[in-house]
Amino acid sequence: MIQVTGLPADDGDCGWWHLSGPGNGYPRISDDLYCDYAVVGAGWTGLAAARRLADRQPDARIVVIDAGSVGYGAAGRNSGFLYDLPFVFSADAYRGREEDGREEISLYRTAIDEMRSVVHAGKVDCDWSEIGQYHVAADRQGERELAIIEAGLRDLGETFSTLGEGETRAALGTDYYRRAIHTPGTVQVNPLALLRAFASAMPQNVELYERSPVTEVTGGAQPRIVTAAGTITAKAVLLTTNAFLRSFSGLRPRLLPMMTFAGLTRPLGEGGMPTPAGESRWGVVPAALFGTSMRRLADGRILVRNTYAYSKDFQASRRLRARAIQRQLLSIRRRFPEVREPQLEWSWGGVVSIFRGANGCFGEVAPNIFAAVSSGMPTSILYGQQLAEYAVGGGGEALAFVLRRSQPKRLPPEPVVGLVAKAAAALRQRRAWNEI
């Protein structure tokens, strides 16, 4: 028996939530249910798993259950980059293992294609923007990191363009960056709006339930999920709860729960704030991993994301939230000094999972109970799809890729892991200070 010892406690300040309005209002669990597959967690991984299960077994009854509302958690709190390239380029720039990198890119692009079909079929308003992204460097260390990315793109045969300081200024409306690389394949979105559309587009044999926290899971020939108002009995259970998998007693996944913070300004041009020059929409990701990601949205808002902190209990203290807001405002002032008093309309936190030497964790964790955790929209979609394949006994190159990339290294026990993670995050952010 697996007991759930903690539940999500996300703040109510997510800007995407306020911009998107109320959701679809799926029902709560109110009685006992019997199904073929039960998916715990209605984020990117869970919904992708449910859709793939429905495609593979159209006569099966599939139930998806979430502790909160669809999109309220980490899946609807990210920066909205549907990236098509590896999130991190290692120092070897994929030299000698180009085929592995090309396979990764192909899998991400397949996930993006699926989201594109959802958007076009449903005429979804999620600010779907096929504008690529800029990898940017603000100092010499950032330029060295950018050189590794450039070498990796060349080794992988990818299309990209390099921008000097003047070209970067013209594109982004700021002279803060020394150099940039533009890659065309990333799609930028309102992640909450897209996730809700994905949920609405589920096949008819998929049922969604919200606001129904799980308290207990039992494996075996007929796994059972316990909630306050009813139980779910299934042939197989899929756990897709991101970092909250750590709250399922006895599983001990090899992941670090980290919090990162995003903010949305009021539309620039309102209230006397000047409108910077440059392209009307863009998105930048820092060459240094712990730097600042930023987007300029179609409505003139600036989205800014930075500040990483280890979060054993998945929550942020008031002090940490205040520090994140200060850094977000600092990032805007550094890049756009003409906006002397930038105003954040919303600032919020979200939990991400980090792994040592892997893209995620994946596999059967108890009899007929399967779990997958990763980070980033395309990777999470891929992991959900392949968890479904794994649960039904499927195979294929994509599943082999996920299994190969899901062998995270061991972590020390608490409190050592917390102390090490906090120290490492603080050090990396100090080193990337100019990129913040």
Protein backbone atom coordinates (compact mmCIF):
# COMPACT_ATOMS: atom_id res chain seq x y z
CA MET A 1 0.00 0.00 0.00
CA ILE A 2 1.28 3.45 -0.98
CA GLN A 3 0.06 6.37 1.09
CA VAL A 4 0.14 9.96 -0.17
CA THR A 5 1.81 12.13 2.44
CA GLY A 6 1.57 15.56 0.80
CA LEU A 7 -0.59 17.44 -1.68
CA PRO A 8 0.02 20.34 -4.07
CA ALA A 9 -0.29 23.79 -2.49
CA ASP A 10 0.24 26.10 -5.47
CA ASP A 11 -0.25 29.83 -5.02
CA GLY A 12 -3.20 31.58 -6.67
CA ASP A 13 -1.18 34.20 -8.54
CA CYS A 14 -0.45 32.45 -11.86
CA GLY A 15 -0.83 35.06 -14.60
CA TRP A 16 -1.87 32.50 -17.23
CA TRP A 17 -4.77 31.50 -14.99
CA HIS A 18 -5.97 35.08 -14.60
CA LEU A 19 -5.64 35.78 -18.34
CA SER A 20 -7.43 32.57 -19.35
CA GLY A 21 -10.43 32.75 -17.03
CA PRO A 22 -12.26 29.78 -15.46
CA GLY A 23 -11.68 26.28 -16.78
CA ASN A 24 -14.02 23.57 -18.01
CA GLY A 25 -15.24 22.52 -14.58
CA TYR A 26 -14.74 18.76 -14.64
CA PRO A 27 -16.56 16.83 -11.88
CA ARG A 28 -15.12 15.53 -8.64
CA ILE A 29 -14.97 11.84 -7.81
CA SER A 30 -18.21 11.16 -5.96
CA ASP A 31 -18.57 7.36 -6.06
CA ASP A 32 -16.65 4.15 -6.66
CA LEU A 33 -15.43 3.66 -10.25
CA TYR A 34 -14.17 0.70 -12.23
CA CYS A 35 -12.01 1.22 -15.30
CA ASP A 36 -9.24 -0.29 -17.38
CA TYR A 37 -6.67 2.44 -16.79
CA ALA A 38 -6.50 5.14 -14.14
CA VAL A 39 -4.13 8.09 -14.62
CA VAL A 40 -3.23 10.19 -11.58
CA GLY A 41 -2.28 13.72 -12.63
CA ALA A 42 -3.87 15.78 -15.42
CA GLY A 43 -0.78 17.64 -16.58
CA TRP A 44 1.13 17.19 -19.84
CA THR A 45 2.35 13.70 -18.97
CA GLY A 46 -1.00 12.44 -17.72
CA LEU A 47 -3.08 13.80 -20.59
CA ALA A 48 -0.58 12.55 -23.16
CA ALA A 49 -0.71 9.10 -21.53
CA ALA A 50 -4.51 9.08 -21.53
CA ARG A 51 -4.69 10.07 -25.19
CA ARG A 52 -2.21 7.39 -26.22
CA LEU A 53 -4.04 4.75 -24.16
CA ALA A 54 -7.29 5.73 -25.87
CA ASP A 55 -5.66 5.48 -29.29
CA ARG A 56 -4.15 2.08 -28.52
CA GLN A 57 -7.24 0.65 -26.82
CA PRO A 58 -10.35 2.51 -28.04
CA ASP A 59 -12.70 0.18 -26.15
CA ALA A 60 -10.99 0.70 -22.79
CA ARG A 61 -12.42 2.96 -20.09
CA ILE A 62 -9.76 5.47 -19.03
CA VAL A 63 -10.08 7.72 -15.99
CA VAL A 64 -7.85 10.74 -15.34
CA ILE A 65 -7.91 12.23 -11.85
CA ASP A 66 -6.23 15.36 -10.49
CA ALA A 67 -5.89 16.78 -6.99
CA GLY A 68 -6.57 20.31 -8.26
CA SER A 69 -8.07 21.86 -11.36
CA VAL A 70 -6.68 21.04 -14.79
CA GLY A 71 -3.79 23.40 -15.48
CA TYR A 72 -3.60 24.90 -12.01
CA GLY A 73 -0.38 23.05 -11.19
CA ALA A 74 3.03 23.01 -12.81
CA ALA A 75 1.73 22.17 -16.30
CA GLY A 76 -0.02 25.53 -16.59
CA ARG A 77 2.66 27.59 -14.81
CA ASN A 78 5.64 27.37 -17.16
CA SER A 79 7.01 29.99 -19.55
CA GLY A 80 5.27 28.58 -22.60
CA PHE A 81 8.22 27.38 -24.71
CA LEU A 82 7.39 24.28 -26.78
CA TYR A 83 11.05 23.68 -27.57
CA ASP A 84 12.14 21.35 -30.36
CA LEU A 85 15.80 21.08 -29.37
CA PRO A 86 17.62 19.58 -26.38
CA PHE A 87 17.04 21.82 -23.38
CA VAL A 88 20.71 21.61 -22.40
CA PHE A 89 23.70 21.15 -24.71
CA SER A 90 26.47 19.28 -22.93
CA ALA A 91 30.11 20.28 -23.36
CA ASP A 92 30.72 17.63 -26.05
CA ALA A 93 28.13 19.42 -28.25
CA TYR A 94 26.69 15.99 -29.25
CA ARG A 95 29.91 15.24 -31.16
CA GLY A 96 30.13 11.49 -31.73
CA ARG A 97 26.51 10.89 -30.70
CA GLU A 98 24.71 12.96 -33.28
CA GLU A 99 22.15 10.25 -34.07
CA ASP A 100 20.97 10.23 -30.46
CA GLY A 101 20.52 14.01 -30.58
CA ARG A 102 18.68 13.86 -33.89
CA GLU A 103 16.34 11.22 -32.52
CA GLU A 104 15.59 13.44 -29.51
CA ILE A 105 14.80 16.38 -31.79
CA SER A 106 12.56 14.23 -33.98
CA LEU A 107 10.59 13.04 -30.95
CA TYR A 108 10.10 16.59 -29.68
CA ARG A 109 8.91 17.74 -33.09
CA THR A 110 6.42 14.89 -33.21
CA ALA A 111 5.02 16.08 -29.86
CA ILE A 112 4.77 19.64 -31.20
CA ASP A 113 2.99 18.34 -34.31
CA GLU A 114 0.39 16.68 -32.09
CA MET A 115 -0.22 19.93 -30.22
CA ARG A 116 -0.40 21.80 -33.53
CA SER A 117 -3.15 19.43 -34.69
CA VAL A 118 -5.09 20.06 -31.46
CA VAL A 119 -4.81 23.82 -31.94
CA HIS A 120 -5.80 23.82 -35.61
CA ALA A 121 -8.65 21.30 -35.21
CA GLY A 122 -10.22 23.21 -32.34
CA LYS A 123 -9.27 26.74 -33.44
CA VAL A 124 -7.73 27.14 -29.99
CA ASP A 125 -6.85 30.63 -28.76
CA CYS A 126 -3.58 29.95 -26.93
CA ASP A 127 -1.34 32.59 -28.56
CA TRP A 128 0.24 29.85 -30.70
CA SER A 129 3.34 31.59 -32.10
CA GLU A 130 5.73 29.79 -34.46
CA ILE A 131 8.49 32.34 -33.95
CA GLY A 132 11.33 30.18 -32.65
CA GLN A 133 13.47 31.37 -29.76
CA TYR A 134 16.66 33.32 -29.08
CA HIS A 135 19.49 31.79 -27.05
CA VAL A 136 21.17 34.84 -25.53
CA ALA A 137 24.40 35.73 -23.75
CA ALA A 138 24.94 38.78 -21.57
CA ASP A 139 28.62 38.28 -20.62
CA ARG A 140 31.73 36.36 -21.62
CA GLN A 141 30.69 33.24 -19.71
CA GLY A 142 27.36 33.32 -21.53
CA GLU A 143 29.20 33.66 -24.83
CA ARG A 144 31.22 30.55 -24.01
CA GLU A 145 28.01 28.65 -23.29
CA LEU A 146 26.53 30.01 -26.52
CA ALA A 147 29.54 28.70 -28.45
CA ILE A 148 28.78 25.19 -27.15
CA ILE A 149 25.17 25.52 -28.34
CA GLU A 150 26.33 26.75 -31.75
CA ALA A 151 28.75 23.83 -32.09
CA GLY A 152 25.99 21.41 -31.11
CA LEU A 153 23.59 22.84 -33.65
CA ARG A 154 26.23 22.46 -36.37
CA ASP A 155 26.99 18.88 -35.35
CA LEU A 156 23.29 18.03 -35.43
CA GLY A 157 22.79 19.68 -38.82
CA GLU A 158 20.24 22.18 -37.51
CA THR A 159 19.24 25.46 -39.09
CA PHE A 160 20.01 28.56 -37.02
CA SER A 161 21.16 32.15 -37.36
CA THR A 162 23.69 34.07 -35.26
CA LEU A 163 23.21 37.69 -34.24
CA GLY A 164 25.83 40.16 -33.14
CA GLU A 165 25.22 42.85 -30.55
CA GLY A 166 23.62 45.30 -32.99
CA GLU A 167 21.37 42.68 -34.59
CA THR A 168 20.31 41.42 -31.18
CA ARG A 169 19.45 44.97 -30.12
CA ALA A 170 17.33 45.46 -33.24
CA ALA A 171 15.45 42.19 -32.69
CA LEU A 172 14.83 42.44 -28.95
CA GLY A 173 14.84 46.17 -28.32
CA THR A 174 17.59 45.95 -25.69
CA ASP A 175 21.37 46.34 -25.73
CA TYR A 176 21.79 44.08 -22.69
CA TYR A 177 22.89 41.03 -24.68
CA ARG A 178 26.26 40.67 -26.40
CA ARG A 179 25.23 37.95 -28.82
CA ALA A 180 22.34 35.63 -29.69
CA ILE A 181 21.45 32.53 -31.68
CA HIS A 182 17.97 32.20 -33.17
CA THR A 183 16.52 28.73 -33.72
CA PRO A 184 13.27 28.61 -35.71
CA GLY A 185 11.50 25.48 -34.46
CA THR A 186 10.30 26.46 -30.97
CA VAL A 187 6.63 27.38 -30.64
CA GLN A 188 5.59 29.83 -27.93
CA VAL A 189 2.17 29.50 -26.31
CA ASN A 190 -0.05 30.29 -23.37
CA PRO A 191 0.58 26.89 -21.71
CA LEU A 192 -2.58 26.89 -19.60
CA ALA A 193 -4.84 27.62 -22.58
CA LEU A 194 -3.15 24.90 -24.63
CA LEU A 195 -3.37 22.35 -21.80
CA ARG A 196 -7.07 23.03 -21.35
CA ALA A 197 -7.62 22.57 -25.08
CA PHE A 198 -5.69 19.29 -24.93
CA ALA A 199 -7.92 18.13 -22.08
CA SER A 200 -11.07 19.11 -24.00
CA ALA A 201 -9.87 17.15 -27.04
CA MET A 202 -9.58 13.84 -25.19
CA PRO A 203 -11.23 10.87 -26.94
CA GLN A 204 -14.70 9.82 -25.75
CA ASN A 205 -13.42 6.89 -23.71
CA VAL A 206 -11.42 9.24 -21.45
CA GLU A 207 -13.09 10.71 -18.35
CA LEU A 208 -11.56 13.60 -16.39
CA TYR A 209 -12.10 14.34 -12.71
CA GLU A 210 -10.76 17.38 -10.84
CA ARG A 211 -10.35 18.42 -7.20
CA SER A 212 -10.14 14.79 -6.08
CA PRO A 213 -6.92 14.27 -4.11
CA VAL A 214 -5.63 10.72 -3.88
CA THR A 215 -4.85 9.48 -0.37
CA GLU A 216 -3.78 5.91 -1.06
CA VAL A 217 -2.78 3.60 -3.91
CA THR A 218 -2.60 -0.19 -3.73
CA GLY A 219 -0.90 -2.31 -6.39
CA GLY A 220 -1.65 -5.86 -7.45
CA ALA A 221 -3.80 -7.66 -9.99
CA GLN A 222 -6.44 -4.93 -9.62
CA PRO A 223 -4.78 -1.73 -8.37
CA ARG A 224 -6.96 0.57 -6.34
CA ILE A 225 -6.91 4.34 -5.81
CA VAL A 226 -8.55 5.81 -2.72
CA THR A 227 -9.99 9.33 -2.54
CA ALA A 228 -12.14 11.00 0.10
CA ALA A 229 -15.37 10.34 -1.80
CA GLY A 230 -14.77 7.07 -3.60
CA THR A 231 -12.31 4.51 -4.91
CA ILE A 232 -11.11 3.71 -8.42
CA THR A 233 -10.34 0.11 -9.29
CA ALA A 234 -8.39 -0.47 -12.50
CA LYS A 235 -6.27 -2.96 -14.40
CA ALA A 236 -3.34 -0.54 -14.26
CA VAL A 237 -2.55 2.80 -12.63
CA LEU A 238 -0.31 5.43 -14.18
CA LEU A 239 1.24 8.00 -11.82
CA THR A 240 2.05 11.25 -13.62
CA THR A 241 2.29 13.67 -10.72
CA ASN A 242 5.60 15.41 -11.49
CA ALA A 243 7.71 16.10 -8.39
CA PHE A 244 4.78 15.14 -6.16
CA LEU A 245 5.66 11.52 -6.83
CA ARG A 246 7.95 12.03 -3.82
CA SER A 247 4.79 12.21 -1.70
CA PHE A 248 3.87 8.62 -2.56
CA SER A 249 5.38 6.74 0.37
CA GLY A 250 7.98 4.11 -0.42
CA LEU A 251 8.59 5.05 -4.07
CA ARG A 252 11.64 7.29 -3.49
CA PRO A 253 12.05 8.60 -7.03
CA ARG A 254 15.49 9.98 -7.87
CA LEU A 255 14.43 13.55 -8.47
CA LEU A 256 15.04 16.96 -6.95
CA PRO A 257 11.94 19.16 -6.50
CA MET A 258 12.91 22.71 -7.42
CA MET A 259 10.78 25.82 -7.47
CA THR A 260 11.19 28.49 -10.09
CA PHE A 261 9.25 31.74 -10.45
CA ALA A 262 7.62 33.64 -13.28
CA GLY A 263 5.96 37.04 -13.52
CA LEU A 264 3.85 38.97 -16.01
CA THR A 265 3.93 42.74 -16.31
CA ARG A 266 1.08 44.95 -17.26
CA PRO A 267 1.06 45.64 -21.02
CA LEU A 268 3.90 48.02 -21.79
CA GLY A 269 2.49 51.30 -22.98
CA GLU A 270 -0.17 51.35 -20.26
CA GLY A 271 0.04 53.80 -17.38
CA GLY A 272 2.80 55.83 -18.99
CA MET A 273 5.22 52.91 -19.34
CA PRO A 274 7.17 53.26 -22.61
CA THR A 275 7.05 50.55 -25.27
CA PRO A 276 10.54 49.24 -26.14
CA ALA A 277 11.67 48.91 -29.74
CA GLY A 278 12.29 45.53 -31.39
CA GLU A 279 10.05 42.75 -32.61
CA SER A 280 6.49 42.75 -31.31
CA ARG A 281 6.81 39.15 -30.08
CA TRP A 282 9.89 37.20 -29.07
CA GLY A 283 11.22 34.79 -26.49
CA VAL A 284 14.72 34.38 -25.08
CA VAL A 285 16.34 31.59 -23.09
CA PRO A 286 19.68 32.15 -21.35
CA ALA A 287 22.83 30.40 -22.47
CA ALA A 288 23.56 29.98 -18.73
CA LEU A 289 21.07 27.46 -17.34
CA PHE A 290 20.17 29.46 -14.22
CA GLY A 291 19.73 32.79 -15.97
CA THR A 292 16.52 34.56 -16.97
CA SER A 293 14.03 33.44 -19.61
CA MET A 294 11.90 36.23 -21.00
CA ARG A 295 9.09 36.68 -23.51
CA ARG A 296 7.41 39.64 -25.11
CA LEU A 297 3.78 38.66 -25.65
CA ALA A 298 1.39 39.78 -28.36
CA ASP A 299 -0.53 41.97 -25.90
CA GLY A 300 2.64 43.89 -24.94
CA ARG A 301 3.28 42.16 -21.62
CA ILE A 302 6.73 40.97 -20.61
CA LEU A 303 6.99 37.51 -19.08
CA VAL A 304 10.09 36.93 -16.96
CA ARG A 305 11.23 33.72 -15.30
CA ASN A 306 14.17 33.16 -12.97
CA THR A 307 15.16 32.20 -9.38
CA TYR A 308 15.59 28.53 -8.54
CA ALA A 309 15.32 27.05 -5.07
CA TYR A 310 15.15 23.55 -3.61
CA SER A 311 11.67 22.89 -2.23
CA LYS A 312 11.25 19.71 -0.24
CA ASP A 313 7.62 20.55 0.62
CA PHE A 314 6.75 22.05 -2.82
CA GLN A 315 6.06 25.48 -1.34
CA ALA A 316 7.81 28.84 -1.30
CA SER A 317 8.26 30.99 1.78
CA ARG A 318 7.22 34.63 1.73
CA ARG A 319 10.88 35.58 1.82
CA LEU A 320 11.66 33.46 -1.25
CA ARG A 321 8.68 34.84 -3.17
CA ALA A 322 9.71 38.39 -2.31
CA ARG A 323 13.26 37.70 -3.50
CA ALA A 324 11.92 36.24 -6.76
CA ILE A 325 9.83 39.36 -7.41
CA GLN A 326 12.85 41.58 -6.77
CA ARG A 327 14.92 39.57 -9.25
CA GLN A 328 12.16 39.64 -11.86
CA LEU A 329 11.91 43.42 -11.63
CA LEU A 330 15.71 43.72 -11.70
CA SER A 331 15.82 41.62 -14.89
CA ILE A 332 13.35 43.91 -16.63
CA ARG A 333 15.11 47.10 -15.52
CA ARG A 334 18.48 45.74 -16.68
CA ARG A 335 17.16 45.01 -20.16
CA PHE A 336 14.79 47.95 -20.51
CA PRO A 337 16.09 50.85 -18.39
CA GLU A 338 13.61 53.15 -20.13
CA VAL A 339 10.86 51.28 -18.24
CA ARG A 340 11.89 52.88 -14.97
CA GLU A 341 9.15 51.42 -12.79
CA PRO A 342 8.05 48.11 -14.32
CA GLN A 343 4.92 46.70 -12.73
CA LEU A 344 4.32 43.00 -12.27
CA GLU A 345 0.63 42.27 -12.39
CA TRP A 346 1.20 38.69 -11.24
CA SER A 347 4.15 36.67 -9.95
CA TRP A 348 3.93 32.97 -9.17
CA GLY A 349 5.92 29.86 -8.39
CA GLY A 350 5.92 26.40 -9.91
CA VAL A 351 7.60 23.09 -9.15
CA VAL A 352 9.95 21.41 -11.62
CA SER A 353 11.80 18.12 -11.34
CA ILE A 354 15.55 17.88 -11.85
CA PHE A 355 17.45 14.62 -12.32
CA ARG A 356 21.12 13.67 -12.13
CA GLY A 357 22.27 12.50 -15.54
CA ALA A 358 18.82 11.78 -16.97
CA ASN A 359 15.80 13.36 -18.63
CA GLY A 360 13.42 11.87 -16.08
CA CYS A 361 12.38 8.76 -14.18
CA PHE A 362 10.17 6.09 -15.69
CA GLY A 363 8.94 2.54 -15.17
CA GLU A 364 6.85 0.11 -13.14
CA VAL A 365 7.12 1.06 -9.46
CA ALA A 366 4.77 -1.59 -8.00
CA PRO A 367 2.68 -4.41 -9.51
CA ASN A 368 0.59 -2.79 -12.30
CA ILE A 369 1.52 0.72 -11.12
CA PHE A 370 3.57 2.74 -13.58
CA ALA A 371 5.15 6.17 -13.15
CA ALA A 372 6.77 8.82 -15.32
CA VAL A 373 8.22 12.20 -14.39
CA SER A 374 10.08 14.69 -16.57
CA SER A 375 10.23 18.46 -17.10
CA GLY A 376 9.37 20.68 -20.06
CA MET A 377 6.28 20.40 -22.24
CA PRO A 378 7.59 18.32 -25.17
CA THR A 379 9.57 15.96 -22.91
CA SER A 380 6.61 15.48 -20.58
CA ILE A 381 4.31 14.76 -23.54
CA LEU A 382 6.81 12.20 -24.84
CA TYR A 383 7.09 10.55 -21.42
CA GLY A 384 3.32 10.31 -21.08
CA GLN A 385 2.90 8.73 -24.50
CA GLN A 386 5.61 6.18 -23.82
CA LEU A 387 4.33 5.37 -20.34
CA ALA A 388 1.07 4.37 -22.00
CA GLU A 389 3.00 2.19 -24.46
CA TYR A 390 4.90 0.63 -21.59
CA ALA A 391 1.70 -0.08 -19.63
CA VAL A 392 0.04 -1.88 -22.57
CA GLY A 393 3.17 -3.89 -23.39
CA GLY A 394 4.16 -1.89 -26.44
CA GLY A 395 7.62 -1.15 -27.77
CA GLY A 396 9.32 0.89 -30.43
CA GLU A 397 12.25 3.27 -30.80
CA ALA A 398 10.60 6.10 -28.86
CA LEU A 399 10.06 3.87 -25.82
CA ALA A 400 13.65 2.61 -26.08
CA PHE A 401 14.84 6.22 -26.15
CA VAL A 402 12.87 7.12 -23.02
CA LEU A 403 14.09 4.05 -21.15
CA ARG A 404 17.66 4.87 -22.15
CA ARG A 405 17.34 8.44 -20.91
CA SER A 406 15.58 7.54 -17.64
CA GLN A 407 18.32 6.15 -15.43
CA PRO A 408 18.92 9.01 -12.96
CA LYS A 409 21.84 8.69 -10.58
CA ARG A 410 21.28 8.14 -6.88
CA LEU A 411 20.73 11.06 -4.54
CA PRO A 412 21.93 11.32 -0.94
CA PRO A 413 19.26 11.13 1.77
CA GLU A 414 17.70 14.08 3.53
CA PRO A 415 18.88 16.40 4.96
CA VAL A 416 22.11 16.04 2.95
CA VAL A 417 20.40 16.24 -0.45
CA GLY A 418 18.59 19.42 0.57
CA LEU A 419 21.75 21.11 1.78
CA VAL A 420 23.67 20.14 -1.37
CA ALA A 421 20.82 21.20 -3.69
CA LYS A 422 20.43 24.57 -1.98
CA ALA A 423 24.16 25.24 -2.11
CA ALA A 424 24.43 24.19 -5.75
CA ALA A 425 21.45 26.34 -6.81
CA ALA A 426 22.84 29.36 -4.98
CA LEU A 427 26.29 28.89 -6.54
CA ARG A 428 24.95 28.45 -10.08
CA GLN A 429 22.77 31.54 -9.75
CA ARG A 430 25.70 33.61 -8.46
CA ARG A 431 27.80 32.49 -11.41
CA ALA A 432 24.95 33.38 -13.78
CA TRP A 433 24.24 36.70 -12.06
CA ASN A 434 24.81 38.77 -15.19
CA GLU A 435 22.34 36.52 -17.01
CA ILE A 436 19.70 37.30 -14.37
